[in-house]
Amino acid sequence: MDIDLSELNSLTVDLGKAGEKALPLARRVIQKSAADIKRDAQVFAPVDTGNLRSSIGYETHELASAVTAEIGPTASYGHFVEFGTSRMGPHAYMGPALDRNGYSFEKAMAAVAKALDL
């Protein structure tokens, strides 16, 4: 998967300058985006027993100056399904979910920057 983060990186710098005002707004955007990516990954995940699909989740982490999210399956074989093996082709589900939600995430973060007058 190929993601252009150049504009997002400059937005990150701008949001860092906004300090404490930006954190609650960014947290809402990141939580919404993580939930949307999780939902889409569950839809895109192949289903045999349902274990992979039900193991997809997300966690958000708030640090002093940043909010992050980790999204993915807890099933031990999740990366094999996503990327394939020497005996099985890939069946991507996380990448397409990220692709589907990347634009709305960038747009929402730009709206945060605009609201903070950056």
PDB file of N, CA and C in Angstrom:
ATOM      1  N   MET A   1       0.843  -1.157   0.000  1.00  0.00           N
ATOM      2  CA  MET A   1       0.000   0.000   0.000  1.00  0.00           C
ATOM      3  C   MET A   1       0.891   1.223   0.000  1.00  0.00           C
ATOM      4  N   ASP A   2       0.460   2.277  -0.681  1.00  0.00           N
ATOM      5  CA  ASP A   2       1.246   3.490  -0.832  1.00  0.00           C
ATOM      6  C   ASP A   2       0.434   4.670  -0.333  1.00  0.00           C
ATOM      7  N   ILE A   3       0.931   5.348   0.704  1.00  0.00           N
ATOM      8  CA  ILE A   3       0.220   6.474   1.288  1.00  0.00           C
ATOM      9  C   ILE A   3       1.132   7.691   1.246  1.00  0.00           C
ATOM     10  N   ASP A   4       0.628   8.794   0.702  1.00  0.00           N
ATOM     11  CA  ASP A   4       1.377  10.044   0.660  1.00  0.00           C
ATOM     12  C   ASP A   4       1.093  10.810   1.944  1.00  0.00           C
ATOM     13  N   LEU A   5       2.100  10.919   2.788  1.00  0.00           N
ATOM     14  CA  LEU A   5       1.919  11.573   4.077  1.00  0.00           C
ATOM     15  C   LEU A   5       2.501  12.981   4.123  1.00  0.00           C
ATOM     16  N   SER A   6       2.920  13.535   2.994  1.00  0.00           N
ATOM     17  CA  SER A   6       3.583  14.832   3.009  1.00  0.00           C
ATOM     18  C   SER A   6       2.679  15.921   3.596  1.00  0.00           C
ATOM     19  N   GLU A   7       1.431  16.003   3.166  1.00  0.00           N
ATOM     20  CA  GLU A   7       0.527  17.008   3.705  1.00  0.00           C
ATOM     21  C   GLU A   7       0.170  16.699   5.148  1.00  0.00           C
ATOM     22  N   LEU A   8       0.031  15.431   5.473  1.00  0.00           N
ATOM     23  CA  LEU A   8      -0.295  15.045   6.836  1.00  0.00           C
ATOM     24  C   LEU A   8       0.847  15.397   7.786  1.00  0.00           C
ATOM     25  N   ASN A   9       2.083  15.250   7.336  1.00  0.00           N
ATOM     26  CA  ASN A   9       3.222  15.606   8.174  1.00  0.00           C
ATOM     27  C   ASN A   9       3.234  17.093   8.495  1.00  0.00           C
ATOM     28  N   SER A  10       2.960  17.955   7.511  1.00  0.00           N
ATOM     29  CA  SER A  10       2.935  19.396   7.781  1.00  0.00           C
ATOM     30  C   SER A  10       1.751  19.750   8.685  1.00  0.00           C
ATOM     31  N   LEU A  11       0.631  19.041   8.522  1.00  0.00           N
ATOM     32  CA  LEU A  11      -0.514  19.260   9.399  1.00  0.00           C
ATOM     33  C   LEU A  11      -0.164  18.871  10.836  1.00  0.00           C
ATOM     34  N   THR A  12       0.587  17.811  11.002  1.00  0.00           N
ATOM     35  CA  THR A  12       1.013  17.378  12.326  1.00  0.00           C
ATOM     36  C   THR A  12       1.828  18.465  13.012  1.00  0.00           C
ATOM     37  N   VAL A  13       2.727  19.098  12.278  1.00  0.00           N
ATOM     38  CA  VAL A  13       3.538  20.191  12.823  1.00  0.00           C
ATOM     39  C   VAL A  13       2.631  21.342  13.247  1.00  0.00           C
ATOM     40  N   ASP A  14       1.672  21.705  12.391  1.00  0.00           N
ATOM     41  CA  ASP A  14       0.750  22.789  12.714  1.00  0.00           C
ATOM     42  C   ASP A  14      -0.080  22.471  13.953  1.00  0.00           C
ATOM     43  N   LEU A  15      -0.570  21.247  14.042  1.00  0.00           N
ATOM     44  CA  LEU A  15      -1.367  20.858  15.205  1.00  0.00           C
ATOM     45  C   LEU A  15      -0.522  20.859  16.477  1.00  0.00           C
ATOM     46  N   GLY A  16       0.754  20.485  16.341  1.00  0.00           N
ATOM     47  CA  GLY A  16       1.658  20.524  17.490  1.00  0.00           C
ATOM     48  C   GLY A  16       1.823  21.935  18.024  1.00  0.00           C
ATOM     49  N   LYS A  17       1.814  22.912  17.134  1.00  0.00           N
ATOM     50  CA  LYS A  17       1.923  24.315  17.540  1.00  0.00           C
ATOM     51  C   LYS A  17       0.672  24.784  18.288  1.00  0.00           C
ATOM     52  N   ALA A  18      -0.459  24.188  17.985  1.00  0.00           N
ATOM     53  CA  ALA A  18      -1.711  24.580  18.621  1.00  0.00           C
ATOM     54  C   ALA A  18      -1.806  24.074  20.053  1.00  0.00           C
ATOM     55  N   GLY A  19      -0.985  23.097  20.394  1.00  0.00           N
ATOM     56  CA  GLY A  19      -0.902  22.608  21.763  1.00  0.00           C
ATOM     57  C   GLY A  19      -2.158  21.946  22.278  1.00  0.00           C
ATOM     58  N   GLU A  20      -2.517  22.305  23.505  1.00  0.00           N
ATOM     59  CA  GLU A  20      -3.591  21.627  24.215  1.00  0.00           C
ATOM     60  C   GLU A  20      -4.953  21.763  23.545  1.00  0.00           C
ATOM     61  N   LYS A  21      -5.175  22.826  22.794  1.00  0.00           N
ATOM     62  CA  LYS A  21      -6.470  23.014  22.136  1.00  0.00           C
ATOM     63  C   LYS A  21      -6.707  21.964  21.056  1.00  0.00           C
ATOM     64  N   ALA A  22      -5.639  21.503  20.435  1.00  0.00           N
ATOM     65  CA  ALA A  22      -5.773  20.569  19.317  1.00  0.00           C
ATOM     66  C   ALA A  22      -6.032  19.136  19.775  1.00  0.00           C
ATOM     67  N   LEU A  23      -5.542  18.772  20.936  1.00  0.00           N
ATOM     68  CA  LEU A  23      -5.594  17.374  21.375  1.00  0.00           C
ATOM     69  C   LEU A  23      -7.010  16.792  21.451  1.00  0.00           C
ATOM     70  N   PRO A  24      -7.977  17.463  22.095  1.00  0.00           N
ATOM     71  CA  PRO A  24      -9.326  16.860  22.148  1.00  0.00           C
ATOM     72  C   PRO A  24      -9.969  16.735  20.767  1.00  0.00           C
ATOM     73  N   LEU A  25      -9.734  17.706  19.901  1.00  0.00           N
ATOM     74  CA  LEU A  25     -10.290  17.647  18.551  1.00  0.00           C
ATOM     75  C   LEU A  25      -9.649  16.526  17.746  1.00  0.00           C
ATOM     76  N   ALA A  26      -8.338  16.410  17.840  1.00  0.00           N
ATOM     77  CA  ALA A  26      -7.624  15.348  17.132  1.00  0.00           C
ATOM     78  C   ALA A  26      -8.029  13.984  17.667  1.00  0.00           C
ATOM     79  N   ARG A  27      -8.244  13.880  18.979  1.00  0.00           N
ATOM     80  CA  ARG A  27      -8.652  12.608  19.584  1.00  0.00           C
ATOM     81  C   ARG A  27      -9.973  12.129  18.976  1.00  0.00           C
ATOM     82  N   ARG A  28     -10.939  13.021  18.813  1.00  0.00           N
ATOM     83  CA  ARG A  28     -12.226  12.635  18.234  1.00  0.00           C
ATOM     84  C   ARG A  28     -12.072  12.136  16.797  1.00  0.00           C
ATOM     85  N   VAL A  29     -11.252  12.842  16.030  1.00  0.00           N
ATOM     86  CA  VAL A  29     -11.040  12.442  14.629  1.00  0.00           C
ATOM     87  C   VAL A  29     -10.370  11.075  14.573  1.00  0.00           C
ATOM     88  N   ILE A  30      -9.358  10.867  15.393  1.00  0.00           N
ATOM     89  CA  ILE A  30      -8.612   9.601  15.378  1.00  0.00           C
ATOM     90  C   ILE A  30      -9.496   8.449  15.854  1.00  0.00           C
ATOM     91  N   GLN A  31     -10.292   8.671  16.891  1.00  0.00           N
ATOM     92  CA  GLN A  31     -11.183   7.611  17.365  1.00  0.00           C
ATOM     93  C   GLN A  31     -12.232   7.254  16.316  1.00  0.00           C
ATOM     94  N   LYS A  32     -12.799   8.256  15.671  1.00  0.00           N
ATOM     95  CA  LYS A  32     -13.795   7.999  14.619  1.00  0.00           C
ATOM     96  C   LYS A  32     -13.162   7.258  13.452  1.00  0.00           C
ATOM     97  N   SER A  33     -11.989   7.705  13.036  1.00  0.00           N
ATOM     98  CA  SER A  33     -11.304   7.057  11.910  1.00  0.00           C
ATOM     99  C   SER A  33     -10.930   5.621  12.248  1.00  0.00           C
ATOM    100  N   ALA A  34     -10.445   5.399  13.461  1.00  0.00           N
ATOM    101  CA  ALA A  34     -10.087   4.039  13.877  1.00  0.00           C
ATOM    102  C   ALA A  34     -11.315   3.136  13.871  1.00  0.00           C
ATOM    103  N   ALA A  35     -12.437   3.642  14.365  1.00  0.00           N
ATOM    104  CA  ALA A  35     -13.668   2.843  14.373  1.00  0.00           C
ATOM    105  C   ALA A  35     -14.128   2.542  12.945  1.00  0.00           C
ATOM    106  N   ASP A  36     -14.013   3.528  12.051  1.00  0.00           N
ATOM    107  CA  ASP A  36     -14.408   3.316  10.657  1.00  0.00           C
ATOM    108  C   ASP A  36     -13.510   2.302   9.960  1.00  0.00           C
ATOM    109  N   ILE A  37     -12.202   2.389  10.203  1.00  0.00           N
ATOM    110  CA  ILE A  37     -11.257   1.445   9.595  1.00  0.00           C
ATOM    111  C   ILE A  37     -11.522   0.034  10.134  1.00  0.00           C
ATOM    112  N   LYS A  38     -11.755  -0.078  11.428  1.00  0.00           N
ATOM    113  CA  LYS A  38     -12.074  -1.386  12.026  1.00  0.00           C
ATOM    114  C   LYS A  38     -13.319  -1.982  11.374  1.00  0.00           C
ATOM    115  N   ARG A  39     -14.363  -1.175  11.261  1.00  0.00           N
ATOM    116  CA  ARG A  39     -15.619  -1.645  10.665  1.00  0.00           C
ATOM    117  C   ARG A  39     -15.394  -2.154   9.245  1.00  0.00           C
ATOM    118  N   ASP A  40     -14.676  -1.361   8.435  1.00  0.00           N
ATOM    119  CA  ASP A  40     -14.449  -1.762   7.051  1.00  0.00           C
ATOM    120  C   ASP A  40     -13.543  -2.993   6.962  1.00  0.00           C
ATOM    121  N   ALA A  41     -12.541  -3.086   7.819  1.00  0.00           N
ATOM    122  CA  ALA A  41     -11.666  -4.260   7.818  1.00  0.00           C
ATOM    123  C   ALA A  41     -12.467  -5.515   8.149  1.00  0.00           C
ATOM    124  N   GLN A  42     -13.411  -5.402   9.069  1.00  0.00           N
ATOM    125  CA  GLN A  42     -14.250  -6.553   9.405  1.00  0.00           C
ATOM    126  C   GLN A  42     -15.121  -6.964   8.216  1.00  0.00           C
ATOM    127  N   VAL A  43     -15.581  -5.986   7.465  1.00  0.00           N
ATOM    128  CA  VAL A  43     -16.389  -6.299   6.275  1.00  0.00           C
ATOM    129  C   VAL A  43     -15.526  -6.967   5.204  1.00  0.00           C
ATOM    130  N   PHE A  44     -14.296  -6.464   5.007  1.00  0.00           N
ATOM    131  CA  PHE A  44     -13.404  -6.971   3.962  1.00  0.00           C
ATOM    132  C   PHE A  44     -12.713  -8.282   4.327  1.00  0.00           C
ATOM    133  N   ALA A  45     -12.644  -8.623   5.610  1.00  0.00           N
ATOM    134  CA  ALA A  45     -11.929  -9.828   6.045  1.00  0.00           C
ATOM    135  C   ALA A  45     -12.649 -11.085   5.551  1.00  0.00           C
ATOM    136  N   PRO A  46     -11.875 -12.058   5.055  1.00  0.00           N
ATOM    137  CA  PRO A  46     -12.498 -13.321   4.646  1.00  0.00           C
ATOM    138  C   PRO A  46     -13.011 -14.059   5.888  1.00  0.00           C
ATOM    139  N   VAL A  47     -14.061 -14.830   5.691  1.00  0.00           N
ATOM    140  CA  VAL A  47     -14.671 -15.513   6.828  1.00  0.00           C
ATOM    141  C   VAL A  47     -14.656 -17.016   6.592  1.00  0.00           C
ATOM    142  N   ASP A  48     -14.014 -17.716   7.494  1.00  0.00           N
ATOM    143  CA  ASP A  48     -14.074 -19.175   7.527  1.00  0.00           C
ATOM    144  C   ASP A  48     -14.826 -19.536   8.813  1.00  0.00           C
ATOM    145  N   THR A  49     -14.173 -19.225   9.941  1.00  0.00           N
ATOM    146  CA  THR A  49     -14.822 -19.477  11.225  1.00  0.00           C
ATOM    147  C   THR A  49     -15.353 -18.195  11.864  1.00  0.00           C
ATOM    148  N   GLY A  50     -14.913 -17.041  11.364  1.00  0.00           N
ATOM    149  CA  GLY A  50     -15.301 -15.758  11.947  1.00  0.00           C
ATOM    150  C   GLY A  50     -14.323 -15.250  12.981  1.00  0.00           C
ATOM    151  N   ASN A  51     -13.305 -16.068  13.305  1.00  0.00           N
ATOM    152  CA  ASN A  51     -12.339 -15.669  14.319  1.00  0.00           C
ATOM    153  C   ASN A  51     -11.552 -14.429  13.900  1.00  0.00           C
ATOM    154  N   LEU A  52     -11.064 -14.401  12.665  1.00  0.00           N
ATOM    155  CA  LEU A  52     -10.281 -13.251  12.203  1.00  0.00           C
ATOM    156  C   LEU A  52     -11.128 -11.986  12.271  1.00  0.00           C
ATOM    157  N   ARG A  53     -12.306 -12.040  11.722  1.00  0.00           N
ATOM    158  CA  ARG A  53     -13.193 -10.874  11.696  1.00  0.00           C
ATOM    159  C   ARG A  53     -13.474 -10.363  13.104  1.00  0.00           C
ATOM    160  N   SER A  54     -13.802 -11.260  14.004  1.00  0.00           N
ATOM    161  CA  SER A  54     -14.145 -10.821  15.362  1.00  0.00           C
ATOM    162  C   SER A  54     -12.921 -10.367  16.161  1.00  0.00           C
ATOM    163  N   SER A  55     -11.724 -10.716  15.707  1.00  0.00           N
ATOM    164  CA  SER A  55     -10.526 -10.303  16.442  1.00  0.00           C
ATOM    165  C   SER A  55     -10.024  -8.915  16.043  1.00  0.00           C
ATOM    166  N   ILE A  56     -10.616  -8.313  15.014  1.00  0.00           N
ATOM    167  CA  ILE A  56     -10.184  -6.984  14.572  1.00  0.00           C
ATOM    168  C   ILE A  56     -10.724  -5.938  15.533  1.00  0.00           C
ATOM    169  N   GLY A  57      -9.820  -5.136  16.034  1.00  0.00           N
ATOM    170  CA  GLY A  57     -10.201  -4.089  16.978  1.00  0.00           C
ATOM    171  C   GLY A  57      -9.253  -2.920  16.879  1.00  0.00           C
ATOM    172  N   TYR A  58      -9.399  -1.990  17.789  1.00  0.00           N
ATOM    173  CA  TYR A  58      -8.482  -0.851  17.822  1.00  0.00           C
ATOM    174  C   TYR A  58      -8.316  -0.360  19.248  1.00  0.00           C
ATOM    175  N   GLU A  59      -7.189   0.278  19.470  1.00  0.00           N
ATOM    176  CA  GLU A  59      -6.890   0.938  20.743  1.00  0.00           C
ATOM    177  C   GLU A  59      -6.368   2.318  20.421  1.00  0.00           C
ATOM    178  N   THR A  60      -6.816   3.305  21.178  1.00  0.00           N
ATOM    179  CA  THR A  60      -6.246   4.637  21.027  1.00  0.00           C
ATOM    180  C   THR A  60      -5.376   4.921  22.248  1.00  0.00           C
ATOM    181  N   HIS A  61      -4.341   5.694  22.010  1.00  0.00           N
ATOM    182  CA  HIS A  61      -3.397   6.042  23.069  1.00  0.00           C
ATOM    183  C   HIS A  61      -3.207   7.552  23.055  1.00  0.00           C
ATOM    184  N   GLU A  62      -3.317   8.161  24.211  1.00  0.00           N
ATOM    185  CA  GLU A  62      -3.105   9.593  24.297  1.00  0.00           C
ATOM    186  C   GLU A  62      -1.852   9.862  25.111  1.00  0.00           C
ATOM    187  N   LEU A  63      -0.927  10.559  24.491  1.00  0.00           N
ATOM    188  CA  LEU A  63       0.303  10.965  25.148  1.00  0.00           C
ATOM    189  C   LEU A  63       0.185  12.457  25.469  1.00  0.00           C
ATOM    190  N   ALA A  64       1.219  13.042  26.019  1.00  0.00           N
ATOM    191  CA  ALA A  64       1.170  14.459  26.373  1.00  0.00           C
ATOM    192  C   ALA A  64       0.915  15.344  25.162  1.00  0.00           C
ATOM    193  N   SER A  65       1.458  14.964  24.010  1.00  0.00           N
ATOM    194  CA  SER A  65       1.316  15.834  22.840  1.00  0.00           C
ATOM    195  C   SER A  65       0.857  15.089  21.591  1.00  0.00           C
ATOM    196  N   ALA A  66       0.288  13.902  21.758  1.00  0.00           N
ATOM    197  CA  ALA A  66      -0.126  13.140  20.577  1.00  0.00           C
ATOM    198  C   ALA A  66      -1.228  12.149  20.934  1.00  0.00           C
ATOM    199  N   VAL A  67      -1.989  11.823  19.926  1.00  0.00           N
ATOM    200  CA  VAL A  67      -3.000  10.771  20.032  1.00  0.00           C
ATOM    201  C   VAL A  67      -2.718   9.802  18.898  1.00  0.00           C
ATOM    202  N   THR A  68      -2.653   8.512  19.211  1.00  0.00           N
ATOM    203  CA  THR A  68      -2.384   7.504  18.196  1.00  0.00           C
ATOM    204  C   THR A  68      -3.434   6.399  18.290  1.00  0.00           C
ATOM    205  N   ALA A  69      -3.518   5.623  17.233  1.00  0.00           N
ATOM    206  CA  ALA A  69      -4.427   4.479  17.236  1.00  0.00           C
ATOM    207  C   ALA A  69      -3.716   3.285  16.624  1.00  0.00           C
ATOM    208  N   GLU A  70      -3.949   2.124  17.191  1.00  0.00           N
ATOM    209  CA  GLU A  70      -3.489   0.854  16.635  1.00  0.00           C
ATOM    210  C   GLU A  70      -4.733   0.081  16.239  1.00  0.00           C
ATOM    211  N   ILE A  71      -4.768  -0.337  14.973  1.00  0.00           N
ATOM    212  CA  ILE A  71      -5.946  -1.016  14.442  1.00  0.00           C
ATOM    213  C   ILE A  71      -5.483  -2.327  13.808  1.00  0.00           C
ATOM    214  N   GLY A  72      -6.135  -3.418  14.139  1.00  0.00           N
ATOM    215  CA  GLY A  72      -5.761  -4.678  13.515  1.00  0.00           C
ATOM    216  C   GLY A  72      -6.313  -5.863  14.260  1.00  0.00           C
ATOM    217  N   PRO A  73      -6.014  -7.048  13.737  1.00  0.00           N
ATOM    218  CA  PRO A  73      -6.525  -8.270  14.360  1.00  0.00           C
ATOM    219  C   PRO A  73      -5.615  -8.746  15.491  1.00  0.00           C
ATOM    220  N   THR A  74      -6.201  -9.462  16.418  1.00  0.00           N
ATOM    221  CA  THR A  74      -5.392 -10.135  17.434  1.00  0.00           C
ATOM    222  C   THR A  74      -5.168 -11.593  17.050  1.00  0.00           C
ATOM    223  N   ALA A  75      -5.891 -12.072  16.042  1.00  0.00           N
ATOM    224  CA  ALA A  75      -5.684 -13.449  15.573  1.00  0.00           C
ATOM    225  C   ALA A  75      -4.248 -13.575  15.069  1.00  0.00           C
ATOM    226  N   SER A  76      -3.560 -14.587  15.501  1.00  0.00           N
ATOM    227  CA  SER A  76      -2.132 -14.751  15.192  1.00  0.00           C
ATOM    228  C   SER A  76      -1.844 -14.898  13.706  1.00  0.00           C
ATOM    229  N   TYR A  77      -2.822 -15.279  12.930  1.00  0.00           N
ATOM    230  CA  TYR A  77      -2.607 -15.508  11.502  1.00  0.00           C
ATOM    231  C   TYR A  77      -3.066 -14.334  10.635  1.00  0.00           C
ATOM    232  N   GLY A  78      -3.457 -13.238  11.256  1.00  0.00           N
ATOM    233  CA  GLY A  78      -3.995 -12.098  10.529  1.00  0.00           C
ATOM    234  C   GLY A  78      -3.061 -11.552   9.463  1.00  0.00           C
ATOM    235  N   HIS A  79      -1.768 -11.462   9.774  1.00  0.00           N
ATOM    236  CA  HIS A  79      -0.814 -10.925   8.785  1.00  0.00           C
ATOM    237  C   HIS A  79      -0.606 -11.890   7.621  1.00  0.00           C
ATOM    238  N   PHE A  80      -0.760 -13.188   7.864  1.00  0.00           N
ATOM    239  CA  PHE A  80      -0.638 -14.159   6.771  1.00  0.00           C
ATOM    240  C   PHE A  80      -1.789 -13.997   5.774  1.00  0.00           C
ATOM    241  N   VAL A  81      -2.966 -13.723   6.292  1.00  0.00           N
ATOM    242  CA  VAL A  81      -4.113 -13.507   5.413  1.00  0.00           C
ATOM    243  C   VAL A  81      -3.916 -12.218   4.615  1.00  0.00           C
ATOM    244  N   GLU A  82      -3.490 -11.162   5.292  1.00  0.00           N
ATOM    245  CA  GLU A  82      -3.314  -9.859   4.637  1.00  0.00           C
ATOM    246  C   GLU A  82      -2.252  -9.905   3.537  1.00  0.00           C
ATOM    247  N   PHE A  83      -1.108 -10.514   3.836  1.00  0.00           N
ATOM    248  CA  PHE A  83       0.030 -10.466   2.915  1.00  0.00           C
ATOM    249  C   PHE A  83       0.296 -11.764   2.160  1.00  0.00           C
ATOM    250  N   GLY A  84      -0.359 -12.849   2.561  1.00  0.00           N
ATOM    251  CA  GLY A  84      -0.162 -14.123   1.897  1.00  0.00           C
ATOM    252  C   GLY A  84       1.052 -14.866   2.422  1.00  0.00           C
ATOM    253  N   THR A  85       1.225 -16.074   1.919  1.00  0.00           N
ATOM    254  CA  THR A  85       2.375 -16.910   2.266  1.00  0.00           C
ATOM    255  C   THR A  85       2.886 -17.534   0.976  1.00  0.00           C
ATOM    256  N   SER A  86       3.880 -18.406   1.096  1.00  0.00           N
ATOM    257  CA  SER A  86       4.394 -19.085  -0.100  1.00  0.00           C
ATOM    258  C   SER A  86       3.361 -20.069  -0.663  1.00  0.00           C
ATOM    259  N   ARG A  87       2.376 -20.432   0.135  1.00  0.00           N
ATOM    260  CA  ARG A  87       1.362 -21.394  -0.303  1.00  0.00           C
ATOM    261  C   ARG A  87      -0.027 -20.783  -0.509  1.00  0.00           C
ATOM    262  N   MET A  88      -0.161 -19.518  -0.168  1.00  0.00           N
ATOM    263  CA  MET A  88      -1.478 -18.888  -0.226  1.00  0.00           C
ATOM    264  C   MET A  88      -1.318 -17.434  -0.639  1.00  0.00           C
ATOM    265  N   GLY A  89      -2.105 -17.002  -1.553  1.00  0.00           N
ATOM    266  CA  GLY A  89      -2.076 -15.614  -1.980  1.00  0.00           C
ATOM    267  C   GLY A  89      -2.655 -14.699  -0.912  1.00  0.00           C
ATOM    268  N   PRO A  90      -2.367 -13.414  -1.003  1.00  0.00           N
ATOM    269  CA  PRO A  90      -2.897 -12.470  -0.011  1.00  0.00           C
ATOM    270  C   PRO A  90      -4.384 -12.218  -0.200  1.00  0.00           C
ATOM    271  N   HIS A  91      -5.032 -11.936   0.890  1.00  0.00           N
ATOM    272  CA  HIS A  91      -6.424 -11.477   0.858  1.00  0.00           C
ATOM    273  C   HIS A  91      -6.464 -10.239   1.766  1.00  0.00           C
ATOM    274  N   ALA A  92      -6.080  -9.111   1.176  1.00  0.00           N
ATOM    275  CA  ALA A  92      -5.962  -7.872   1.947  1.00  0.00           C
ATOM    276  C   ALA A  92      -7.319  -7.421   2.473  1.00  0.00           C
ATOM    277  N   TYR A  93      -7.329  -7.016   3.704  1.00  0.00           N
ATOM    278  CA  TYR A  93      -8.530  -6.468   4.338  1.00  0.00           C
ATOM    279  C   TYR A  93      -8.196  -5.206   5.124  1.00  0.00           C
ATOM    280  N   MET A  94      -7.019  -5.149   5.737  1.00  0.00           N
ATOM    281  CA  MET A  94      -6.623  -3.951   6.472  1.00  0.00           C
ATOM    282  C   MET A  94      -6.234  -2.822   5.515  1.00  0.00           C
ATOM    283  N   GLY A  95      -5.442  -3.138   4.513  1.00  0.00           N
ATOM    284  CA  GLY A  95      -5.016  -2.122   3.550  1.00  0.00           C
ATOM    285  C   GLY A  95      -6.184  -1.450   2.859  1.00  0.00           C
ATOM    286  N   PRO A  96      -7.133  -2.212   2.315  1.00  0.00           N
ATOM    287  CA  PRO A  96      -8.297  -1.590   1.691  1.00  0.00           C
ATOM    288  C   PRO A  96      -9.137  -0.757   2.669  1.00  0.00           C
ATOM    289  N   ALA A  97      -9.217  -1.202   3.911  1.00  0.00           N
ATOM    290  CA  ALA A  97      -9.971  -0.428   4.906  1.00  0.00           C
ATOM    291  C   ALA A  97      -9.286   0.914   5.172  1.00  0.00           C
ATOM    292  N   LEU A  98      -7.961   0.890   5.245  1.00  0.00           N
ATOM    293  CA  LEU A  98      -7.204   2.138   5.422  1.00  0.00           C
ATOM    294  C   LEU A  98      -7.367   3.030   4.198  1.00  0.00           C
ATOM    295  N   ASP A  99      -7.242   2.452   3.019  1.00  0.00           N
ATOM    296  CA  ASP A  99      -7.410   3.225   1.783  1.00  0.00           C
ATOM    297  C   ASP A  99      -8.781   3.881   1.722  1.00  0.00           C
ATOM    298  N   ARG A 100      -9.784   3.163   2.111  1.00  0.00           N
ATOM    299  CA  ARG A 100     -11.152   3.665   2.027  1.00  0.00           C
ATOM    300  C   ARG A 100     -11.393   4.847   2.960  1.00  0.00           C
ATOM    301  N   ASN A 101     -10.655   4.915   4.061  1.00  0.00           N
ATOM    302  CA  ASN A 101     -10.892   5.945   5.074  1.00  0.00           C
ATOM    303  C   ASN A 101      -9.817   7.017   5.156  1.00  0.00           C
ATOM    304  N   GLY A 102      -8.754   6.861   4.380  1.00  0.00           N
ATOM    305  CA  GLY A 102      -7.650   7.815   4.459  1.00  0.00           C
ATOM    306  C   GLY A 102      -8.033   9.236   4.097  1.00  0.00           C
ATOM    307  N   TYR A 103      -8.799   9.387   3.031  1.00  0.00           N
ATOM    308  CA  TYR A 103      -9.172  10.731   2.581  1.00  0.00           C
ATOM    309  C   TYR A 103     -10.042  11.439   3.622  1.00  0.00           C
ATOM    310  N   SER A 104     -11.017  10.731   4.177  1.00  0.00           N
ATOM    311  CA  SER A 104     -11.895  11.369   5.169  1.00  0.00           C
ATOM    312  C   SER A 104     -11.117  11.732   6.428  1.00  0.00           C
ATOM    313  N   PHE A 105     -10.108  10.924   6.782  1.00  0.00           N
ATOM    314  CA  PHE A 105      -9.254  11.259   7.930  1.00  0.00           C
ATOM    315  C   PHE A 105      -8.490  12.545   7.656  1.00  0.00           C
ATOM    316  N   GLU A 106      -7.855  12.627   6.488  1.00  0.00           N
ATOM    317  CA  GLU A 106      -7.104  13.838   6.152  1.00  0.00           C
ATOM    318  C   GLU A 106      -8.006  15.061   6.125  1.00  0.00           C
ATOM    319  N   LYS A 107      -9.184  14.913   5.574  1.00  0.00           N
ATOM    320  CA  LYS A 107     -10.134  16.022   5.488  1.00  0.00           C
ATOM    321  C   LYS A 107     -10.575  16.466   6.887  1.00  0.00           C
ATOM    322  N   ALA A 108     -10.849  15.519   7.764  1.00  0.00           N
ATOM    323  CA  ALA A 108     -11.265  15.840   9.128  1.00  0.00           C
ATOM    324  C   ALA A 108     -10.139  16.523   9.901  1.00  0.00           C
ATOM    325  N   MET A 109      -8.905  16.059   9.710  1.00  0.00           N
ATOM    326  CA  MET A 109      -7.776  16.699  10.392  1.00  0.00           C
ATOM    327  C   MET A 109      -7.541  18.108   9.850  1.00  0.00           C
ATOM    328  N   ALA A 110      -7.751  18.306   8.559  1.00  0.00           N
ATOM    329  CA  ALA A 110      -7.638  19.653   7.982  1.00  0.00           C
ATOM    330  C   ALA A 110      -8.713  20.569   8.571  1.00  0.00           C
ATOM    331  N   ALA A 111      -9.907  20.029   8.816  1.00  0.00           N
ATOM    332  CA  ALA A 111     -10.972  20.810   9.436  1.00  0.00           C
ATOM    333  C   ALA A 111     -10.602  21.199  10.863  1.00  0.00           C
ATOM    334  N   VAL A 112      -9.919  20.311  11.561  1.00  0.00           N
ATOM    335  CA  VAL A 112      -9.430  20.632  12.911  1.00  0.00           C
ATOM    336  C   VAL A 112      -8.444  21.796  12.823  1.00  0.00           C
ATOM    337  N   ALA A 113      -7.535  21.724  11.883  1.00  0.00           N
ATOM    338  CA  ALA A 113      -6.555  22.794  11.718  1.00  0.00           C
ATOM    339  C   ALA A 113      -7.251  24.120  11.398  1.00  0.00           C
ATOM    340  N   LYS A 114      -8.254  24.057  10.555  1.00  0.00           N
ATOM    341  CA  LYS A 114      -8.993  25.271  10.176  1.00  0.00           C
ATOM    342  C   LYS A 114      -9.743  25.827  11.395  1.00  0.00           C
ATOM    343  N   ALA A 115     -10.347  24.951  12.184  1.00  0.00           N
ATOM    344  CA  ALA A 115     -11.068  25.384  13.378  1.00  0.00           C
ATOM    345  C   ALA A 115     -10.132  26.051  14.374  1.00  0.00           C
ATOM    346  N   LEU A 116      -8.878  25.622  14.385  1.00  0.00           N
ATOM    347  CA  LEU A 116      -7.892  26.200  15.301  1.00  0.00           C
ATOM    348  C   LEU A 116      -7.189  27.403  14.677  1.00  0.00           C
ATOM    349  N   ASP A 117      -7.595  27.737  13.451  1.00  0.00           N
ATOM    350  CA  ASP A 117      -7.045  28.886  12.713  1.00  0.00           C
ATOM    351  C   ASP A 117      -5.555  28.740  12.474  1.00  0.00           C
ATOM    352  N   LEU A 118      -5.153  27.551  11.997  1.00  0.00           N
ATOM    353  CA  LEU A 118      -3.727  27.295  11.707  1.00  0.00           C
ATOM    354  C   LEU A 118      -3.420  27.557  10.241  1.00  0.00           C
TER     355      LEU A 118
END
